[in-house]
Amino acid sequence: MSALTARLHRIEGQVRGIARMIEEDGYCVDVLNQTAAVRAALLSFEKVLLRSHIEDCVTADIKAGKEGAAEELTTLLGRLIGG
């Protein structure tokens, strides 16, 4: 999990940088470019975490016969892709 934590810390730093840009009346285009970078970083984080979840948690739940594991994953995927 330390790689995921490191990603979150980088994203947190980016968000703090955006806040500074706003406080210092930064150029709107520069701020928007930074928000796009944060959005991309969060999407990348989600992909890594989702892969780990599927490989570990979902696989284990299905092997253990946990009812609703596939439905839970389907619901999650719907939220992540905006469905």
PDB file of N, CA and C in Angstrom:
ATOM      1  N   MET A   1       0.809  -1.204   0.000  1.00  0.00           N
ATOM      2  CA  MET A   1       0.000   0.000   0.000  1.00  0.00           C
ATOM      3  C   MET A   1       0.853   1.269   0.000  1.00  0.00           C
ATOM      4  N   SER A   2       2.133   1.166   0.249  1.00  0.00           N
ATOM      5  CA  SER A   2       2.953   2.371   0.317  1.00  0.00           C
ATOM      6  C   SER A   2       3.027   3.090  -1.030  1.00  0.00           C
ATOM      7  N   ALA A   3       2.959   2.379  -2.142  1.00  0.00           N
ATOM      8  CA  ALA A   3       2.969   3.029  -3.452  1.00  0.00           C
ATOM      9  C   ALA A   3       1.695   3.847  -3.640  1.00  0.00           C
ATOM     10  N   LEU A   4       0.571   3.314  -3.178  1.00  0.00           N
ATOM     11  CA  LEU A   4      -0.688   4.058  -3.260  1.00  0.00           C
ATOM     12  C   LEU A   4      -0.650   5.287  -2.358  1.00  0.00           C
ATOM     13  N   THR A   5      -0.082   5.133  -1.189  1.00  0.00           N
ATOM     14  CA  THR A   5       0.031   6.261  -0.267  1.00  0.00           C
ATOM     15  C   THR A   5       0.916   7.347  -0.870  1.00  0.00           C
ATOM     16  N   ALA A   6       2.001   6.948  -1.505  1.00  0.00           N
ATOM     17  CA  ALA A   6       2.883   7.921  -2.148  1.00  0.00           C
ATOM     18  C   ALA A   6       2.151   8.671  -3.256  1.00  0.00           C
ATOM     19  N   ARG A   7       1.334   7.954  -4.029  1.00  0.00           N
ATOM     20  CA  ARG A   7       0.542   8.613  -5.075  1.00  0.00           C
ATOM     21  C   ARG A   7      -0.398   9.647  -4.462  1.00  0.00           C
ATOM     22  N   LEU A   8      -1.051   9.268  -3.371  1.00  0.00           N
ATOM     23  CA  LEU A   8      -1.977  10.199  -2.729  1.00  0.00           C
ATOM     24  C   LEU A   8      -1.264  11.432  -2.185  1.00  0.00           C
ATOM     25  N   HIS A   9      -0.077  11.248  -1.664  1.00  0.00           N
ATOM     26  CA  HIS A   9       0.682  12.394  -1.164  1.00  0.00           C
ATOM     27  C   HIS A   9       1.066  13.341  -2.300  1.00  0.00           C
ATOM     28  N   ARG A  10       1.405  12.777  -3.457  1.00  0.00           N
ATOM     29  CA  ARG A  10       1.717  13.624  -4.611  1.00  0.00           C
ATOM     30  C   ARG A  10       0.474  14.400  -5.050  1.00  0.00           C
ATOM     31  N   ILE A  11      -0.658  13.713  -5.081  1.00  0.00           N
ATOM     32  CA  ILE A  11      -1.907  14.365  -5.464  1.00  0.00           C
ATOM     33  C   ILE A  11      -2.253  15.469  -4.460  1.00  0.00           C
ATOM     34  N   GLU A  12      -2.065  15.164  -3.192  1.00  0.00           N
ATOM     35  CA  GLU A  12      -2.324  16.151  -2.144  1.00  0.00           C
ATOM     36  C   GLU A  12      -1.453  17.391  -2.362  1.00  0.00           C
ATOM     37  N   GLY A  13      -0.206  17.188  -2.711  1.00  0.00           N
ATOM     38  CA  GLY A  13       0.691  18.310  -2.994  1.00  0.00           C
ATOM     39  C   GLY A  13       0.223  19.118  -4.194  1.00  0.00           C
ATOM     40  N   GLN A  14      -0.260  18.420  -5.212  1.00  0.00           N
ATOM     41  CA  GLN A  14      -0.789  19.115  -6.382  1.00  0.00           C
ATOM     42  C   GLN A  14      -1.994  19.975  -6.010  1.00  0.00           C
ATOM     43  N   VAL A  15      -2.873  19.445  -5.182  1.00  0.00           N
ATOM     44  CA  VAL A  15      -4.065  20.193  -4.770  1.00  0.00           C
ATOM     45  C   VAL A  15      -3.664  21.410  -3.936  1.00  0.00           C
ATOM     46  N   ARG A  16      -2.697  21.240  -3.052  1.00  0.00           N
ATOM     47  CA  ARG A  16      -2.212  22.391  -2.280  1.00  0.00           C
ATOM     48  C   ARG A  16      -1.623  23.450  -3.208  1.00  0.00           C
ATOM     49  N   GLY A  17      -0.938  22.989  -4.265  1.00  0.00           N
ATOM     50  CA  GLY A  17      -0.390  23.928  -5.243  1.00  0.00           C
ATOM     51  C   GLY A  17      -1.488  24.702  -5.955  1.00  0.00           C
ATOM     52  N   ILE A  18      -2.581  24.035  -6.264  1.00  0.00           N
ATOM     53  CA  ILE A  18      -3.725  24.715  -6.891  1.00  0.00           C
ATOM     54  C   ILE A  18      -4.288  25.763  -5.936  1.00  0.00           C
ATOM     55  N   ALA A  19      -4.413  25.417  -4.667  1.00  0.00           N
ATOM     56  CA  ALA A  19      -4.927  26.373  -3.679  1.00  0.00           C
ATOM     57  C   ALA A  19      -4.017  27.606  -3.614  1.00  0.00           C
ATOM     58  N   ARG A  20      -2.705  27.393  -3.650  1.00  0.00           N
ATOM     59  CA  ARG A  20      -1.767  28.523  -3.641  1.00  0.00           C
ATOM     60  C   ARG A  20      -1.948  29.384  -4.889  1.00  0.00           C
ATOM     61  N   MET A  21      -2.128  28.709  -6.033  1.00  0.00           N
ATOM     62  CA  MET A  21      -2.325  29.456  -7.277  1.00  0.00           C
ATOM     63  C   MET A  21      -3.568  30.340  -7.188  1.00  0.00           C
ATOM     64  N   ILE A  22      -4.631  29.826  -6.613  1.00  0.00           N
ATOM     65  CA  ILE A  22      -5.863  30.593  -6.454  1.00  0.00           C
ATOM     66  C   ILE A  22      -5.634  31.765  -5.495  1.00  0.00           C
ATOM     67  N   GLU A  23      -4.980  31.488  -4.371  1.00  0.00           N
ATOM     68  CA  GLU A  23      -4.700  32.535  -3.383  1.00  0.00           C
ATOM     69  C   GLU A  23      -3.843  33.651  -3.972  1.00  0.00           C
ATOM     70  N   GLU A  24      -2.963  33.284  -4.893  1.00  0.00           N
ATOM     71  CA  GLU A  24      -2.053  34.259  -5.498  1.00  0.00           C
ATOM     72  C   GLU A  24      -2.584  34.793  -6.830  1.00  0.00           C
ATOM     73  N   ASP A  25      -3.885  34.572  -7.083  1.00  0.00           N
ATOM     74  CA  ASP A  25      -4.522  35.032  -8.319  1.00  0.00           C
ATOM     75  C   ASP A  25      -3.795  34.525  -9.560  1.00  0.00           C
ATOM     76  N   GLY A  26      -3.504  33.240  -9.553  1.00  0.00           N
ATOM     77  CA  GLY A  26      -2.827  32.629 -10.695  1.00  0.00           C
ATOM     78  C   GLY A  26      -3.669  32.693 -11.955  1.00  0.00           C
ATOM     79  N   TYR A  27      -2.995  32.582 -13.070  1.00  0.00           N
ATOM     80  CA  TYR A  27      -3.652  32.630 -14.375  1.00  0.00           C
ATOM     81  C   TYR A  27      -4.596  31.436 -14.484  1.00  0.00           C
ATOM     82  N   CYS A  28      -5.838  31.706 -14.858  1.00  0.00           N
ATOM     83  CA  CYS A  28      -6.878  30.672 -14.879  1.00  0.00           C
ATOM     84  C   CYS A  28      -6.482  29.452 -15.706  1.00  0.00           C
ATOM     85  N   VAL A  29      -5.860  29.678 -16.838  1.00  0.00           N
ATOM     86  CA  VAL A  29      -5.460  28.555 -17.692  1.00  0.00           C
ATOM     87  C   VAL A  29      -4.460  27.665 -16.966  1.00  0.00           C
ATOM     88  N   ASP A  30      -3.541  28.274 -16.233  1.00  0.00           N
ATOM     89  CA  ASP A  30      -2.564  27.483 -15.471  1.00  0.00           C
ATOM     90  C   ASP A  30      -3.262  26.674 -14.374  1.00  0.00           C
ATOM     91  N   VAL A  31      -4.236  27.283 -13.711  1.00  0.00           N
ATOM     92  CA  VAL A  31      -4.980  26.580 -12.666  1.00  0.00           C
ATOM     93  C   VAL A  31      -5.746  25.414 -13.279  1.00  0.00           C
ATOM     94  N   LEU A  32      -6.417  25.660 -14.384  1.00  0.00           N
ATOM     95  CA  LEU A  32      -7.170  24.594 -15.046  1.00  0.00           C
ATOM     96  C   LEU A  32      -6.267  23.473 -15.524  1.00  0.00           C
ATOM     97  N   ASN A  33      -5.085  23.805 -15.993  1.00  0.00           N
ATOM     98  CA  ASN A  33      -4.129  22.763 -16.387  1.00  0.00           C
ATOM     99  C   ASN A  33      -3.742  21.906 -15.187  1.00  0.00           C
ATOM    100  N   GLN A  34      -3.592  22.535 -14.050  1.00  0.00           N
ATOM    101  CA  GLN A  34      -3.245  21.780 -12.843  1.00  0.00           C
ATOM    102  C   GLN A  34      -4.413  20.921 -12.363  1.00  0.00           C
ATOM    103  N   THR A  35      -5.635  21.439 -12.479  1.00  0.00           N
ATOM    104  CA  THR A  35      -6.777  20.616 -12.071  1.00  0.00           C
ATOM    105  C   THR A  35      -6.917  19.409 -12.994  1.00  0.00           C
ATOM    106  N   ALA A  36      -6.622  19.586 -14.267  1.00  0.00           N
ATOM    107  CA  ALA A  36      -6.659  18.451 -15.200  1.00  0.00           C
ATOM    108  C   ALA A  36      -5.601  17.420 -14.811  1.00  0.00           C
ATOM    109  N   ALA A  37      -4.445  17.891 -14.374  1.00  0.00           N
ATOM    110  CA  ALA A  37      -3.378  16.979 -13.950  1.00  0.00           C
ATOM    111  C   ALA A  37      -3.797  16.196 -12.706  1.00  0.00           C
ATOM    112  N   VAL A  38      -4.476  16.859 -11.774  1.00  0.00           N
ATOM    113  CA  VAL A  38      -4.954  16.185 -10.562  1.00  0.00           C
ATOM    114  C   VAL A  38      -6.005  15.139 -10.924  1.00  0.00           C
ATOM    115  N   ARG A  39      -6.912  15.501 -11.823  1.00  0.00           N
ATOM    116  CA  ARG A  39      -7.948  14.555 -12.252  1.00  0.00           C
ATOM    117  C   ARG A  39      -7.315  13.321 -12.881  1.00  0.00           C
ATOM    118  N   ALA A  40      -6.307  13.527 -13.716  1.00  0.00           N
ATOM    119  CA  ALA A  40      -5.619  12.400 -14.356  1.00  0.00           C
ATOM    120  C   ALA A  40      -4.894  11.541 -13.311  1.00  0.00           C
ATOM    121  N   ALA A  41      -4.290  12.198 -12.331  1.00  0.00           N
ATOM    122  CA  ALA A  41      -3.590  11.466 -11.277  1.00  0.00           C
ATOM    123  C   ALA A  41      -4.561  10.638 -10.449  1.00  0.00           C
ATOM    124  N   LEU A  42      -5.732  11.192 -10.146  1.00  0.00           N
ATOM    125  CA  LEU A  42      -6.746  10.436  -9.394  1.00  0.00           C
ATOM    126  C   LEU A  42      -7.261   9.254 -10.208  1.00  0.00           C
ATOM    127  N   LEU A  43      -7.462   9.456 -11.484  1.00  0.00           N
ATOM    128  CA  LEU A  43      -7.914   8.362 -12.343  1.00  0.00           C
ATOM    129  C   LEU A  43      -6.878   7.239 -12.361  1.00  0.00           C
ATOM    130  N   SER A  44      -5.622   7.603 -12.468  1.00  0.00           N
ATOM    131  CA  SER A  44      -4.559   6.606 -12.439  1.00  0.00           C
ATOM    132  C   SER A  44      -4.534   5.865 -11.105  1.00  0.00           C
ATOM    133  N   PHE A  45      -4.707   6.604 -10.016  1.00  0.00           N
ATOM    134  CA  PHE A  45      -4.774   6.004  -8.684  1.00  0.00           C
ATOM    135  C   PHE A  45      -5.920   5.000  -8.604  1.00  0.00           C
ATOM    136  N   GLU A  46      -7.090   5.403  -9.114  1.00  0.00           N
ATOM    137  CA  GLU A  46      -8.259   4.515  -9.088  1.00  0.00           C
ATOM    138  C   GLU A  46      -8.003   3.236  -9.879  1.00  0.00           C
ATOM    139  N   LYS A  47      -7.358   3.351 -11.014  1.00  0.00           N
ATOM    140  CA  LYS A  47      -7.079   2.170 -11.830  1.00  0.00           C
ATOM    141  C   LYS A  47      -6.189   1.186 -11.085  1.00  0.00           C
ATOM    142  N   VAL A  48      -5.149   1.699 -10.438  1.00  0.00           N
ATOM    143  CA  VAL A  48      -4.236   0.835  -9.687  1.00  0.00           C
ATOM    144  C   VAL A  48      -4.967   0.177  -8.519  1.00  0.00           C
ATOM    145  N   LEU A  49      -5.750   0.961  -7.790  1.00  0.00           N
ATOM    146  CA  LEU A  49      -6.476   0.427  -6.640  1.00  0.00           C
ATOM    147  C   LEU A  49      -7.537  -0.582  -7.076  1.00  0.00           C
ATOM    148  N   LEU A  50      -8.244  -0.285  -8.154  1.00  0.00           N
ATOM    149  CA  LEU A  50      -9.261  -1.208  -8.655  1.00  0.00           C
ATOM    150  C   LEU A  50      -8.638  -2.531  -9.076  1.00  0.00           C
ATOM    151  N   ARG A  51      -7.534  -2.475  -9.765  1.00  0.00           N
ATOM    152  CA  ARG A  51      -6.854  -3.711 -10.184  1.00  0.00           C
ATOM    153  C   ARG A  51      -6.485  -4.555  -8.963  1.00  0.00           C
ATOM    154  N   SER A  52      -5.936  -3.900  -7.957  1.00  0.00           N
ATOM    155  CA  SER A  52      -5.562  -4.601  -6.732  1.00  0.00           C
ATOM    156  C   SER A  52      -6.789  -5.206  -6.057  1.00  0.00           C
ATOM    157  N   HIS A  53      -7.865  -4.446  -6.016  1.00  0.00           N
ATOM    158  CA  HIS A  53      -9.105  -4.930  -5.400  1.00  0.00           C
ATOM    159  C   HIS A  53      -9.627  -6.173  -6.126  1.00  0.00           C
ATOM    160  N   ILE A  54      -9.628  -6.125  -7.453  1.00  0.00           N
ATOM    161  CA  ILE A  54     -10.120  -7.263  -8.229  1.00  0.00           C
ATOM    162  C   ILE A  54      -9.215  -8.474  -8.026  1.00  0.00           C
ATOM    163  N   GLU A  55      -7.909  -8.262  -8.110  1.00  0.00           N
ATOM    164  CA  GLU A  55      -6.967  -9.378  -7.990  1.00  0.00           C
ATOM    165  C   GLU A  55      -6.981 -10.008  -6.599  1.00  0.00           C
ATOM    166  N   ASP A  56      -7.187  -9.188  -5.584  1.00  0.00           N
ATOM    167  CA  ASP A  56      -7.118  -9.702  -4.216  1.00  0.00           C
ATOM    168  C   ASP A  56      -8.508  -9.963  -3.629  1.00  0.00           C
ATOM    169  N   CYS A  57      -9.222  -8.909  -3.353  1.00  0.00           N
ATOM    170  CA  CYS A  57     -10.485  -9.009  -2.621  1.00  0.00           C
ATOM    171  C   CYS A  57     -11.578  -9.731  -3.401  1.00  0.00           C
ATOM    172  N   VAL A  58     -11.819  -9.295  -4.628  1.00  0.00           N
ATOM    173  CA  VAL A  58     -12.909  -9.888  -5.400  1.00  0.00           C
ATOM    174  C   VAL A  58     -12.627 -11.359  -5.683  1.00  0.00           C
ATOM    175  N   THR A  59     -11.407 -11.665  -6.071  1.00  0.00           N
ATOM    176  CA  THR A  59     -11.036 -13.054  -6.351  1.00  0.00           C
ATOM    177  C   THR A  59     -11.236 -13.922  -5.113  1.00  0.00           C
ATOM    178  N   ALA A  60     -10.785 -13.429  -3.969  1.00  0.00           N
ATOM    179  CA  ALA A  60     -10.936 -14.187  -2.723  1.00  0.00           C
ATOM    180  C   ALA A  60     -12.412 -14.370  -2.379  1.00  0.00           C
ATOM    181  N   ASP A  61     -13.203 -13.318  -2.546  1.00  0.00           N
ATOM    182  CA  ASP A  61     -14.635 -13.413  -2.234  1.00  0.00           C
ATOM    183  C   ASP A  61     -15.333 -14.436  -3.130  1.00  0.00           C
ATOM    184  N   ILE A  62     -15.010 -14.427  -4.401  1.00  0.00           N
ATOM    185  CA  ILE A  62     -15.643 -15.372  -5.327  1.00  0.00           C
ATOM    186  C   ILE A  62     -15.216 -16.798  -4.998  1.00  0.00           C
ATOM    187  N   LYS A  63     -13.932 -17.000  -4.725  1.00  0.00           N
ATOM    188  CA  LYS A  63     -13.453 -18.337  -4.360  1.00  0.00           C
ATOM    189  C   LYS A  63     -14.102 -18.833  -3.074  1.00  0.00           C
ATOM    190  N   ALA A  64     -14.385 -17.898  -2.163  1.00  0.00           N
ATOM    191  CA  ALA A  64     -15.004 -18.261  -0.894  1.00  0.00           C
ATOM    192  C   ALA A  64     -16.516 -18.407  -1.018  1.00  0.00           C
ATOM    193  N   GLY A  65     -17.045 -18.140  -2.198  1.00  0.00           N
ATOM    194  CA  GLY A  65     -18.477 -18.273  -2.410  1.00  0.00           C
ATOM    195  C   GLY A  65     -19.307 -17.149  -1.831  1.00  0.00           C
ATOM    196  N   LYS A  66     -18.679 -16.009  -1.599  1.00  0.00           N
ATOM    197  CA  LYS A  66     -19.414 -14.880  -1.029  1.00  0.00           C
ATOM    198  C   LYS A  66     -20.467 -14.396  -2.012  1.00  0.00           C
ATOM    199  N   GLU A  67     -21.699 -14.430  -1.562  1.00  0.00           N
ATOM    200  CA  GLU A  67     -22.793 -13.954  -2.402  1.00  0.00           C
ATOM    201  C   GLU A  67     -22.699 -12.439  -2.540  1.00  0.00           C
ATOM    202  N   GLY A  68     -22.984 -11.963  -3.725  1.00  0.00           N
ATOM    203  CA  GLY A  68     -23.008 -10.529  -3.965  1.00  0.00           C
ATOM    204  C   GLY A  68     -21.683  -9.931  -4.376  1.00  0.00           C
ATOM    205  N   ALA A  69     -20.624 -10.735  -4.457  1.00  0.00           N
ATOM    206  CA  ALA A  69     -19.305 -10.197  -4.810  1.00  0.00           C
ATOM    207  C   ALA A  69     -19.311  -9.597  -6.206  1.00  0.00           C
ATOM    208  N   ALA A  70     -19.905 -10.305  -7.154  1.00  0.00           N
ATOM    209  CA  ALA A  70     -19.953  -9.800  -8.530  1.00  0.00           C
ATOM    210  C   ALA A  70     -20.842  -8.560  -8.617  1.00  0.00           C
ATOM    211  N   GLU A  71     -21.954  -8.581  -7.895  1.00  0.00           N
ATOM    212  CA  GLU A  71     -22.856  -7.426  -7.910  1.00  0.00           C
ATOM    213  C   GLU A  71     -22.179  -6.197  -7.311  1.00  0.00           C
ATOM    214  N   GLU A  72     -21.444  -6.403  -6.232  1.00  0.00           N
ATOM    215  CA  GLU A  72     -20.725  -5.299  -5.603  1.00  0.00           C
ATOM    216  C   GLU A  72     -19.711  -4.699  -6.582  1.00  0.00           C
ATOM    217  N   LEU A  73     -18.988  -5.553  -7.290  1.00  0.00           N
ATOM    218  CA  LEU A  73     -18.015  -5.072  -8.273  1.00  0.00           C
ATOM    219  C   LEU A  73     -18.716  -4.337  -9.407  1.00  0.00           C
ATOM    220  N   THR A  74     -19.822  -4.860  -9.876  1.00  0.00           N
ATOM    221  CA  THR A  74     -20.569  -4.208 -10.944  1.00  0.00           C
ATOM    222  C   THR A  74     -21.047  -2.823 -10.517  1.00  0.00           C
ATOM    223  N   THR A  75     -21.547  -2.714  -9.301  1.00  0.00           N
ATOM    224  CA  THR A  75     -21.995  -1.430  -8.762  1.00  0.00           C
ATOM    225  C   THR A  75     -20.830  -0.445  -8.671  1.00  0.00           C
ATOM    226  N   LEU A  76     -19.714  -0.929  -8.185  1.00  0.00           N
ATOM    227  CA  LEU A  76     -18.516  -0.083  -8.083  1.00  0.00           C
ATOM    228  C   LEU A  76     -18.081   0.415  -9.457  1.00  0.00           C
ATOM    229  N   LEU A  77     -18.015  -0.492 -10.415  1.00  0.00           N
ATOM    230  CA  LEU A  77     -17.615  -0.098 -11.761  1.00  0.00           C
ATOM    231  C   LEU A  77     -18.581   0.933 -12.337  1.00  0.00           C
ATOM    232  N   GLY A  78     -19.853   0.772 -12.063  1.00  0.00           N
ATOM    233  CA  GLY A  78     -20.839   1.746 -12.515  1.00  0.00           C
ATOM    234  C   GLY A  78     -20.559   3.141 -11.957  1.00  0.00           C
ATOM    235  N   ARG A  79     -20.223   3.211 -10.683  1.00  0.00           N
ATOM    236  CA  ARG A  79     -19.907   4.491 -10.058  1.00  0.00           C
ATOM    237  C   ARG A  79     -18.638   5.084 -10.676  1.00  0.00           C
ATOM    238  N   LEU A  80     -17.644   4.252 -10.903  1.00  0.00           N
ATOM    239  CA  LEU A  80     -16.363   4.749 -11.415  1.00  0.00           C
ATOM    240  C   LEU A  80     -16.460   5.249 -12.849  1.00  0.00           C
ATOM    241  N   ILE A  81     -17.313   4.637 -13.641  1.00  0.00           N
ATOM    242  CA  ILE A  81     -17.407   5.069 -15.028  1.00  0.00           C
ATOM    243  C   ILE A  81     -18.598   5.988 -15.268  1.00  0.00           C
ATOM    244  N   GLY A  82     -19.278   6.335 -14.192  1.00  0.00           N
ATOM    245  CA  GLY A  82     -20.359   7.306 -14.292  1.00  0.00           C
ATOM    246  C   GLY A  82     -21.679   6.739 -14.758  1.00  0.00           C
ATOM    247  N   GLY A  83     -21.870   5.447 -14.537  1.00  0.00           N
ATOM    248  CA  GLY A  83     -23.110   4.834 -15.000  1.00  0.00           C
ATOM    249  C   GLY A  83     -24.170   4.694 -13.967  1.00  0.00           C
TER     250      GLY A  83
END
